[in-house]
Amino acid sequence: MSGGCAGSVERIPYWASDGRAEGLHTLGPDGSRFRDADEAWVPVITPDGPGVLLWADSD
């Protein structure tokens, strides 16, 4: 994953909760699934497991 995209993903806050405690974390780029990325989403790793970061499609 390019440095610019990875750096952008890592600045996004993410609240995780396990039912007993919650805390602010950051997302991380999921390089193992980056080949599946599309113009409107990027695969990420969260404290809760794999996820997808979505945004409005510009088309």
N, C-alpha and C. Protein backbone atom coordinates (compact mmCIF):
# COMPACT_ATOMS: atom_id res chain seq x y z
N MET A 1 0.86 -1.17 0.00
CA MET A 1 0.00 0.00 0.00
C MET A 1 0.90 1.22 0.00
N SER A 2 0.51 2.21 -0.74
CA SER A 2 1.34 3.40 -0.83
C SER A 2 1.41 4.11 0.52
N GLY A 3 2.51 4.80 0.75
CA GLY A 3 2.71 5.49 2.02
C GLY A 3 1.64 6.53 2.31
N GLY A 4 1.19 7.27 1.28
CA GLY A 4 0.18 8.29 1.48
C GLY A 4 -1.15 7.70 1.93
N CYS A 5 -1.55 6.62 1.29
CA CYS A 5 -2.82 5.97 1.64
C CYS A 5 -2.72 5.35 3.03
N ALA A 6 -1.63 4.68 3.31
CA ALA A 6 -1.45 4.05 4.62
C ALA A 6 -1.45 5.10 5.72
N GLY A 7 -0.75 6.20 5.52
CA GLY A 7 -0.72 7.26 6.51
C GLY A 7 -2.09 7.87 6.75
N SER A 8 -2.87 8.01 5.69
CA SER A 8 -4.23 8.54 5.82
C SER A 8 -5.11 7.60 6.63
N VAL A 9 -5.02 6.31 6.34
CA VAL A 9 -5.82 5.31 7.06
C VAL A 9 -5.46 5.30 8.54
N GLU A 10 -4.18 5.41 8.85
CA GLU A 10 -3.73 5.33 10.24
C GLU A 10 -4.12 6.55 11.07
N ARG A 11 -4.58 7.63 10.43
CA ARG A 11 -5.03 8.82 11.17
C ARG A 11 -6.51 8.77 11.50
N ILE A 12 -7.22 7.74 11.09
CA ILE A 12 -8.66 7.65 11.32
C ILE A 12 -8.91 7.00 12.68
N PRO A 13 -9.63 7.69 13.58
CA PRO A 13 -9.93 7.11 14.90
C PRO A 13 -11.00 6.02 14.80
N TYR A 14 -10.90 5.03 15.68
CA TYR A 14 -11.84 3.91 15.70
C TYR A 14 -12.10 3.54 17.15
N TRP A 15 -13.37 3.55 17.56
CA TRP A 15 -13.73 3.14 18.92
C TRP A 15 -13.99 1.65 18.93
N ALA A 16 -13.28 0.93 19.74
CA ALA A 16 -13.47 -0.52 19.88
C ALA A 16 -13.99 -0.82 21.27
N SER A 17 -14.86 -1.82 21.38
CA SER A 17 -15.40 -2.23 22.66
C SER A 17 -15.52 -3.74 22.70
N ASP A 18 -15.10 -4.33 23.81
CA ASP A 18 -15.23 -5.78 23.96
C ASP A 18 -16.36 -6.14 24.91
N GLY A 19 -17.23 -5.19 25.23
CA GLY A 19 -18.34 -5.43 26.14
C GLY A 19 -18.00 -5.10 27.58
N ARG A 20 -16.73 -4.99 27.90
CA ARG A 20 -16.30 -4.63 29.26
C ARG A 20 -15.60 -3.28 29.28
N ALA A 21 -14.88 -2.99 28.23
CA ALA A 21 -14.13 -1.74 28.16
C ALA A 21 -14.13 -1.26 26.71
N GLU A 22 -13.96 0.03 26.56
CA GLU A 22 -13.87 0.57 25.22
C GLU A 22 -12.69 1.53 25.17
N GLY A 23 -12.20 1.76 23.97
CA GLY A 23 -11.05 2.64 23.84
C GLY A 23 -10.88 3.10 22.42
N LEU A 24 -10.20 4.21 22.27
CA LEU A 24 -9.92 4.79 20.97
C LEU A 24 -8.66 4.14 20.39
N HIS A 25 -8.76 3.67 19.18
CA HIS A 25 -7.65 3.05 18.46
C HIS A 25 -7.56 3.68 17.07
N THR A 26 -6.62 3.24 16.29
CA THR A 26 -6.54 3.67 14.89
C THR A 26 -6.71 2.47 13.99
N LEU A 27 -7.14 2.75 12.78
CA LEU A 27 -7.22 1.71 11.76
C LEU A 27 -5.84 1.49 11.18
N GLY A 28 -5.63 0.35 10.58
CA GLY A 28 -4.38 0.07 9.88
C GLY A 28 -4.69 -0.47 8.51
N PRO A 29 -3.89 -0.15 7.53
CA PRO A 29 -4.11 -0.70 6.19
C PRO A 29 -3.88 -2.20 6.19
N ASP A 30 -4.70 -2.93 5.46
CA ASP A 30 -4.57 -4.39 5.35
C ASP A 30 -3.88 -4.70 4.03
N GLY A 31 -2.55 -4.70 4.06
CA GLY A 31 -1.77 -4.94 2.86
C GLY A 31 -2.02 -6.28 2.20
N SER A 32 -2.45 -7.27 2.98
CA SER A 32 -2.70 -8.59 2.40
C SER A 32 -3.96 -8.60 1.52
N ARG A 33 -4.82 -7.61 1.68
CA ARG A 33 -6.05 -7.53 0.87
C ARG A 33 -6.07 -6.28 -0.02
N PHE A 34 -4.95 -5.57 -0.11
CA PHE A 34 -4.94 -4.33 -0.86
C PHE A 34 -5.24 -4.54 -2.34
N ARG A 35 -4.91 -5.69 -2.89
CA ARG A 35 -5.21 -5.94 -4.30
C ARG A 35 -6.71 -5.94 -4.56
N ASP A 36 -7.52 -6.09 -3.50
CA ASP A 36 -8.97 -6.07 -3.61
C ASP A 36 -9.54 -4.66 -3.47
N ALA A 37 -8.70 -3.65 -3.21
CA ALA A 37 -9.17 -2.28 -3.03
C ALA A 37 -9.83 -1.78 -4.30
N ASP A 38 -10.75 -0.86 -4.14
CA ASP A 38 -11.46 -0.26 -5.25
C ASP A 38 -11.46 1.24 -5.04
N GLU A 39 -12.03 1.99 -5.98
CA GLU A 39 -11.97 3.44 -5.85
C GLU A 39 -12.79 3.98 -4.68
N ALA A 40 -13.73 3.21 -4.17
CA ALA A 40 -14.58 3.70 -3.09
C ALA A 40 -14.36 2.97 -1.77
N TRP A 41 -13.41 2.05 -1.69
CA TRP A 41 -13.15 1.38 -0.41
C TRP A 41 -11.73 0.83 -0.34
N VAL A 42 -11.25 0.74 0.89
CA VAL A 42 -9.89 0.25 1.16
C VAL A 42 -9.98 -0.77 2.29
N PRO A 43 -9.38 -1.95 2.14
CA PRO A 43 -9.38 -2.94 3.22
C PRO A 43 -8.50 -2.46 4.37
N VAL A 44 -9.00 -2.63 5.60
CA VAL A 44 -8.28 -2.19 6.79
C VAL A 44 -8.31 -3.28 7.85
N ILE A 45 -7.44 -3.12 8.84
CA ILE A 45 -7.43 -3.97 10.03
C ILE A 45 -7.92 -3.09 11.18
N THR A 46 -8.87 -3.59 11.95
CA THR A 46 -9.38 -2.89 13.12
C THR A 46 -9.07 -3.72 14.36
N PRO A 47 -9.21 -3.16 15.54
CA PRO A 47 -9.04 -3.96 16.75
C PRO A 47 -10.04 -5.11 16.83
N ASP A 48 -11.14 -5.00 16.07
CA ASP A 48 -12.16 -6.05 16.04
C ASP A 48 -11.96 -7.04 14.90
N GLY A 49 -10.92 -6.86 14.10
CA GLY A 49 -10.65 -7.76 12.98
C GLY A 49 -10.66 -7.02 11.65
N PRO A 50 -10.72 -7.76 10.54
CA PRO A 50 -10.70 -7.14 9.22
C PRO A 50 -11.93 -6.27 8.99
N GLY A 51 -11.75 -5.20 8.24
CA GLY A 51 -12.85 -4.31 7.91
C GLY A 51 -12.60 -3.64 6.58
N VAL A 52 -13.52 -2.77 6.22
CA VAL A 52 -13.41 -2.02 4.97
C VAL A 52 -13.74 -0.57 5.25
N LEU A 53 -12.90 0.33 4.81
CA LEU A 53 -13.13 1.76 4.92
C LEU A 53 -13.84 2.20 3.64
N LEU A 54 -15.02 2.80 3.80
CA LEU A 54 -15.83 3.22 2.65
C LEU A 54 -15.95 4.72 2.60
N TRP A 55 -16.11 5.25 1.41
CA TRP A 55 -16.46 6.63 1.23
C TRP A 55 -17.30 6.75 -0.02
N ALA A 56 -17.97 7.88 -0.18
CA ALA A 56 -18.85 8.07 -1.33
C ALA A 56 -18.06 7.98 -2.63
N ASP A 57 -18.58 7.26 -3.58
CA ASP A 57 -17.96 7.12 -4.90
C ASP A 57 -18.06 8.46 -5.61
N SER A 58 -16.98 8.89 -6.21
CA SER A 58 -16.95 10.20 -6.83
C SER A 58 -17.57 10.21 -8.22
N ASP A 59 -17.92 9.05 -8.75
CA ASP A 59 -18.50 8.99 -10.12
C ASP A 59 -19.92 9.45 -10.15
